[in-house]
């Protein structure tokens, strides 16, 4: 039995320690907002926060999450940065198909939490591991800048 803290709540998962965190979230805990994309930590669709840091849950073993705080897309809006990012995503009409967007939002939120006033280079670096097949990169960047501005006024 693996004991986790997910979105502020204690959770137990009956799984092997090397099982990817993604499958525990989706299959055992029914938190399906985190998506499976490539399974090799290349696309970013499965991004969650582990003690505030963005990680690819498809390659993060369950054992790496024990004793740490896991935050998924379902709860990221509880933070000021997450709420600002989600509002900016809506304002800029970022999603098209939407599949990658939970990972994009998780990465953007981690960036703004760490760097409230990111430069274009900071944004490019933080978001470089997140692929959007619909090509909404310009809207994503605009939304991140808008969320950063909103956080400055909060």
C-alpha atoms as a PDB file:
ATOM      1  CA  UNK A   1       0.000   0.000   0.000  1.00  0.00           C
ATOM      2  CA  UNK A   2       1.417   3.368  -1.070  1.00  0.00           C
ATOM      3  CA  UNK A   3       0.324   6.399   0.950  1.00  0.00           C
ATOM      4  CA  UNK A   4       0.142   9.732  -0.851  1.00  0.00           C
ATOM      5  CA  UNK A   5      -1.062  13.266  -0.288  1.00  0.00           C
ATOM      6  CA  UNK A   6      -2.951  14.320  -3.398  1.00  0.00           C
ATOM      7  CA  UNK A   7      -4.622  17.700  -3.682  1.00  0.00           C
ATOM      8  CA  UNK A   8      -4.362  18.157   0.079  1.00  0.00           C
ATOM      9  CA  UNK A   9      -5.982  14.838   0.960  1.00  0.00           C
ATOM     10  CA  UNK A  10      -4.493  11.564   2.159  1.00  0.00           C
ATOM     11  CA  UNK A  11      -4.821   8.764  -0.358  1.00  0.00           C
ATOM     12  CA  UNK A  12      -3.759   5.121  -0.362  1.00  0.00           C
ATOM     13  CA  UNK A  13      -3.021   3.186  -3.505  1.00  0.00           C
ATOM     14  CA  UNK A  14      -2.548  -0.569  -3.611  1.00  0.00           C
ATOM     15  CA  UNK A  15       0.198  -0.691  -6.226  1.00  0.00           C
ATOM     16  CA  UNK A  16       3.831  -1.473  -6.800  1.00  0.00           C
ATOM     17  CA  UNK A  17       6.326   1.306  -5.943  1.00  0.00           C
ATOM     18  CA  UNK A  18       7.539   1.486  -9.559  1.00  0.00           C
ATOM     19  CA  UNK A  19       4.066   2.056 -10.998  1.00  0.00           C
ATOM     20  CA  UNK A  20       3.919   5.456 -12.736  1.00  0.00           C
ATOM     21  CA  UNK A  21       2.205   8.122 -10.658  1.00  0.00           C
ATOM     22  CA  UNK A  22       0.014   8.901 -13.684  1.00  0.00           C
ATOM     23  CA  UNK A  23      -1.747   5.542 -13.506  1.00  0.00           C
ATOM     24  CA  UNK A  24      -2.350   5.836  -9.764  1.00  0.00           C
ATOM     25  CA  UNK A  25      -3.912   9.262 -10.293  1.00  0.00           C
ATOM     26  CA  UNK A  26      -6.061   8.266 -13.255  1.00  0.00           C
ATOM     27  CA  UNK A  27      -6.983   4.667 -12.527  1.00  0.00           C
ATOM     28  CA  UNK A  28      -6.932   4.336  -8.743  1.00  0.00           C
ATOM     29  CA  UNK A  29      -7.855   7.863  -7.630  1.00  0.00           C
ATOM     30  CA  UNK A  30     -10.087   8.701 -10.643  1.00  0.00           C
ATOM     31  CA  UNK A  31      -8.326  12.055 -11.210  1.00  0.00           C
ATOM     32  CA  UNK A  32      -8.558  11.977 -14.981  1.00  0.00           C
ATOM     33  CA  UNK A  33      -7.595  15.591 -15.701  1.00  0.00           C
ATOM     34  CA  UNK A  34      -3.958  14.531 -15.931  1.00  0.00           C
ATOM     35  CA  UNK A  35      -3.520  13.070 -19.416  1.00  0.00           C
ATOM     36  CA  UNK A  36      -1.399  10.305 -20.900  1.00  0.00           C
ATOM     37  CA  UNK A  37       0.438  11.609 -23.935  1.00  0.00           C
ATOM     38  CA  UNK A  38       3.663   9.895 -24.873  1.00  0.00           C
ATOM     39  CA  UNK A  39       4.625   7.824 -21.823  1.00  0.00           C
ATOM     40  CA  UNK A  40       8.235   9.005 -22.128  1.00  0.00           C
ATOM     41  CA  UNK A  41       8.137  12.439 -20.412  1.00  0.00           C
ATOM     42  CA  UNK A  42       8.472  14.227 -23.752  1.00  0.00           C
ATOM     43  CA  UNK A  43       5.111  15.917 -24.324  1.00  0.00           C
ATOM     44  CA  UNK A  44       4.104  17.328 -20.924  1.00  0.00           C
ATOM     45  CA  UNK A  45       0.446  16.250 -21.004  1.00  0.00           C
ATOM     46  CA  UNK A  46       0.909  14.355 -17.730  1.00  0.00           C
ATOM     47  CA  UNK A  47       2.502  17.222 -15.769  1.00  0.00           C
ATOM     48  CA  UNK A  48       1.617  17.467 -12.082  1.00  0.00           C
ATOM     49  CA  UNK A  49       3.287  19.245  -9.173  1.00  0.00           C
ATOM     50  CA  UNK A  50       5.368  17.258  -6.718  1.00  0.00           C
ATOM     51  CA  UNK A  51       6.196  19.476  -3.741  1.00  0.00           C
ATOM     52  CA  UNK A  52       5.558  22.454  -6.018  1.00  0.00           C
ATOM     53  CA  UNK A  53       7.807  21.312  -8.851  1.00  0.00           C
ATOM     54  CA  UNK A  54       6.427  20.283 -12.231  1.00  0.00           C
ATOM     55  CA  UNK A  55       7.105  16.606 -12.959  1.00  0.00           C
ATOM     56  CA  UNK A  56       6.029  14.218 -15.669  1.00  0.00           C
ATOM     57  CA  UNK A  57       3.805  11.733 -13.902  1.00  0.00           C
ATOM     58  CA  UNK A  58       4.124   9.146 -16.683  1.00  0.00           C
ATOM     59  CA  UNK A  59       7.731   8.442 -15.678  1.00  0.00           C
ATOM     60  CA  UNK A  60       7.606   9.368 -11.992  1.00  0.00           C
ATOM     61  CA  UNK A  61       7.359   6.203  -9.906  1.00  0.00           C
ATOM     62  CA  UNK A  62       4.760   6.099  -7.184  1.00  0.00           C
ATOM     63  CA  UNK A  63       7.555   5.649  -4.644  1.00  0.00           C
ATOM     64  CA  UNK A  64       8.918   9.113  -5.554  1.00  0.00           C
ATOM     65  CA  UNK A  65       5.598  10.688  -4.545  1.00  0.00           C
ATOM     66  CA  UNK A  66       5.295   9.146  -1.092  1.00  0.00           C
ATOM     67  CA  UNK A  67       5.832  11.696   1.626  1.00  0.00           C
ATOM     68  CA  UNK A  68       5.439  14.563  -0.854  1.00  0.00           C
ATOM     69  CA  UNK A  69       2.528  16.758  -1.867  1.00  0.00           C
ATOM     70  CA  UNK A  70       1.021  15.960  -5.256  1.00  0.00           C
ATOM     71  CA  UNK A  71      -1.159  18.603  -6.908  1.00  0.00           C
ATOM     72  CA  UNK A  72      -3.091  17.858 -10.082  1.00  0.00           C
ATOM     73  CA  UNK A  73      -5.092  20.018 -12.475  1.00  0.00           C
ATOM     74  CA  UNK A  74      -8.183  19.308 -10.384  1.00  0.00           C
ATOM     75  CA  UNK A  75      -6.784  21.402  -7.506  1.00  0.00           C
ATOM     76  CA  UNK A  76      -4.272  23.803  -9.073  1.00  0.00           C
ATOM     77  CA  UNK A  77      -6.872  26.580  -9.102  1.00  0.00           C
ATOM     78  CA  UNK A  78      -6.781  26.681  -5.302  1.00  0.00           C
ATOM     79  CA  UNK A  79      -3.486  28.596  -5.473  1.00  0.00           C
ATOM     80  CA  UNK A  80      -3.304  32.259  -6.502  1.00  0.00           C
ATOM     81  CA  UNK A  81      -1.026  31.453  -9.420  1.00  0.00           C
ATOM     82  CA  UNK A  82      -3.175  28.532 -10.566  1.00  0.00           C
ATOM     83  CA  UNK A  83      -6.333  30.608 -10.397  1.00  0.00           C
ATOM     84  CA  UNK A  84      -4.683  33.431 -12.377  1.00  0.00           C
ATOM     85  CA  UNK A  85      -3.403  31.012 -15.009  1.00  0.00           C
ATOM     86  CA  UNK A  86      -6.782  29.346 -15.428  1.00  0.00           C
ATOM     87  CA  UNK A  87      -8.507  32.731 -15.776  1.00  0.00           C
ATOM     88  CA  UNK A  88      -5.946  33.861 -18.361  1.00  0.00           C
ATOM     89  CA  UNK A  89      -6.389  30.598 -20.284  1.00  0.00           C
ATOM     90  CA  UNK A  90     -10.109  31.330 -20.590  1.00  0.00           C
ATOM     91  CA  UNK A  91      -9.560  35.020 -21.397  1.00  0.00           C
ATOM     92  CA  UNK A  92      -7.129  34.175 -24.220  1.00  0.00           C
ATOM     93  CA  UNK A  93      -9.194  31.228 -25.450  1.00  0.00           C
ATOM     94  CA  UNK A  94      -6.101  29.022 -25.322  1.00  0.00           C
ATOM     95  CA  UNK A  95      -7.508  25.492 -25.686  1.00  0.00           C
ATOM     96  CA  UNK A  96      -8.473  24.111 -29.027  1.00  0.00           C
ATOM     97  CA  UNK A  97      -8.643  20.337 -28.651  1.00  0.00           C
ATOM     98  CA  UNK A  98      -7.659  20.789 -24.998  1.00  0.00           C
ATOM     99  CA  UNK A  99      -5.765  17.537 -24.572  1.00  0.00           C
ATOM    100  CA  UNK A 100      -2.441  19.090 -23.553  1.00  0.00           C
ATOM    101  CA  UNK A 101      -3.914  21.947 -21.583  1.00  0.00           C
ATOM    102  CA  UNK A 102      -3.819  20.438 -18.093  1.00  0.00           C
ATOM    103  CA  UNK A 103      -0.078  19.892 -18.495  1.00  0.00           C
ATOM    104  CA  UNK A 104       0.371  23.364 -19.963  1.00  0.00           C
ATOM    105  CA  UNK A 105      -1.497  24.951 -17.048  1.00  0.00           C
ATOM    106  CA  UNK A 106       0.499  22.962 -14.498  1.00  0.00           C
ATOM    107  CA  UNK A 107       3.805  24.053 -16.048  1.00  0.00           C
ATOM    108  CA  UNK A 108       2.689  27.686 -16.336  1.00  0.00           C
ATOM    109  CA  UNK A 109       1.520  27.718 -12.726  1.00  0.00           C
ATOM    110  CA  UNK A 110       4.833  26.297 -11.501  1.00  0.00           C
ATOM    111  CA  UNK A 111       6.664  28.961 -13.503  1.00  0.00           C
ATOM    112  CA  UNK A 112       4.632  31.842 -12.062  1.00  0.00           C
ATOM    113  CA  UNK A 113       4.947  30.472  -8.553  1.00  0.00           C
ATOM    114  CA  UNK A 114       8.734  30.384  -8.899  1.00  0.00           C
ATOM    115  CA  UNK A 115       9.092  33.541 -11.037  1.00  0.00           C
ATOM    116  CA  UNK A 116       6.171  35.954 -10.700  1.00  0.00           C
ATOM    117  CA  UNK A 117       7.677  38.248 -13.369  1.00  0.00           C
ATOM    118  CA  UNK A 118       9.002  35.836 -16.000  1.00  0.00           C
ATOM    119  CA  UNK A 119      10.886  37.045 -19.055  1.00  0.00           C
ATOM    120  CA  UNK A 120      10.093  35.694 -22.504  1.00  0.00           C
ATOM    121  CA  UNK A 121      13.125  33.433 -22.125  1.00  0.00           C
ATOM    122  CA  UNK A 122      11.818  32.152 -18.769  1.00  0.00           C
ATOM    123  CA  UNK A 123       8.466  31.355 -20.353  1.00  0.00           C
ATOM    124  CA  UNK A 124      10.056  29.630 -23.328  1.00  0.00           C
ATOM    125  CA  UNK A 125      12.290  27.519 -21.085  1.00  0.00           C
ATOM    126  CA  UNK A 126       9.528  26.568 -18.631  1.00  0.00           C
ATOM    127  CA  UNK A 127       7.105  25.629 -21.398  1.00  0.00           C
ATOM    128  CA  UNK A 128       9.571  23.970 -23.782  1.00  0.00           C
ATOM    129  CA  UNK A 129       8.675  20.451 -22.630  1.00  0.00           C
ATOM    130  CA  UNK A 130       4.970  20.930 -23.283  1.00  0.00           C
ATOM    131  CA  UNK A 131       3.792  20.117 -26.779  1.00  0.00           C
ATOM    132  CA  UNK A 132       0.546  21.440 -28.233  1.00  0.00           C
ATOM    133  CA  UNK A 133      -0.477  19.696 -31.435  1.00  0.00           C
ATOM    134  CA  UNK A 134      -2.950  22.491 -32.147  1.00  0.00           C
ATOM    135  CA  UNK A 135      -0.146  25.070 -32.045  1.00  0.00           C
ATOM    136  CA  UNK A 136      -1.623  27.483 -29.505  1.00  0.00           C
ATOM    137  CA  UNK A 137       1.839  28.585 -28.370  1.00  0.00           C
ATOM    138  CA  UNK A 138       1.183  32.299 -28.996  1.00  0.00           C
ATOM    139  CA  UNK A 139      -2.016  32.195 -26.940  1.00  0.00           C
ATOM    140  CA  UNK A 140      -0.234  30.232 -24.193  1.00  0.00           C
ATOM    141  CA  UNK A 141       2.543  32.817 -23.960  1.00  0.00           C
ATOM    142  CA  UNK A 142       0.040  35.692 -23.950  1.00  0.00           C
ATOM    143  CA  UNK A 143      -1.986  33.973 -21.227  1.00  0.00           C
ATOM    144  CA  UNK A 144       1.107  33.457 -19.068  1.00  0.00           C
ATOM    145  CA  UNK A 145       2.061  37.122 -19.429  1.00  0.00           C
ATOM    146  CA  UNK A 146      -1.507  38.153 -18.594  1.00  0.00           C
ATOM    147  CA  UNK A 147      -1.567  35.882 -15.527  1.00  0.00           C
ATOM    148  CA  UNK A 148       1.770  37.340 -14.369  1.00  0.00           C
ATOM    149  CA  UNK A 149       0.346  40.849 -14.683  1.00  0.00           C
ATOM    150  CA  UNK A 150      -2.789  39.844 -12.796  1.00  0.00           C
ATOM    151  CA  UNK A 151      -0.689  38.366  -9.993  1.00  0.00           C
ATOM    152  CA  UNK A 152       1.254  41.599  -9.665  1.00  0.00           C
ATOM    153  CA  UNK A 153      -1.993  43.445  -9.003  1.00  0.00           C
ATOM    154  CA  UNK A 154      -3.338  40.834  -6.561  1.00  0.00           C
END
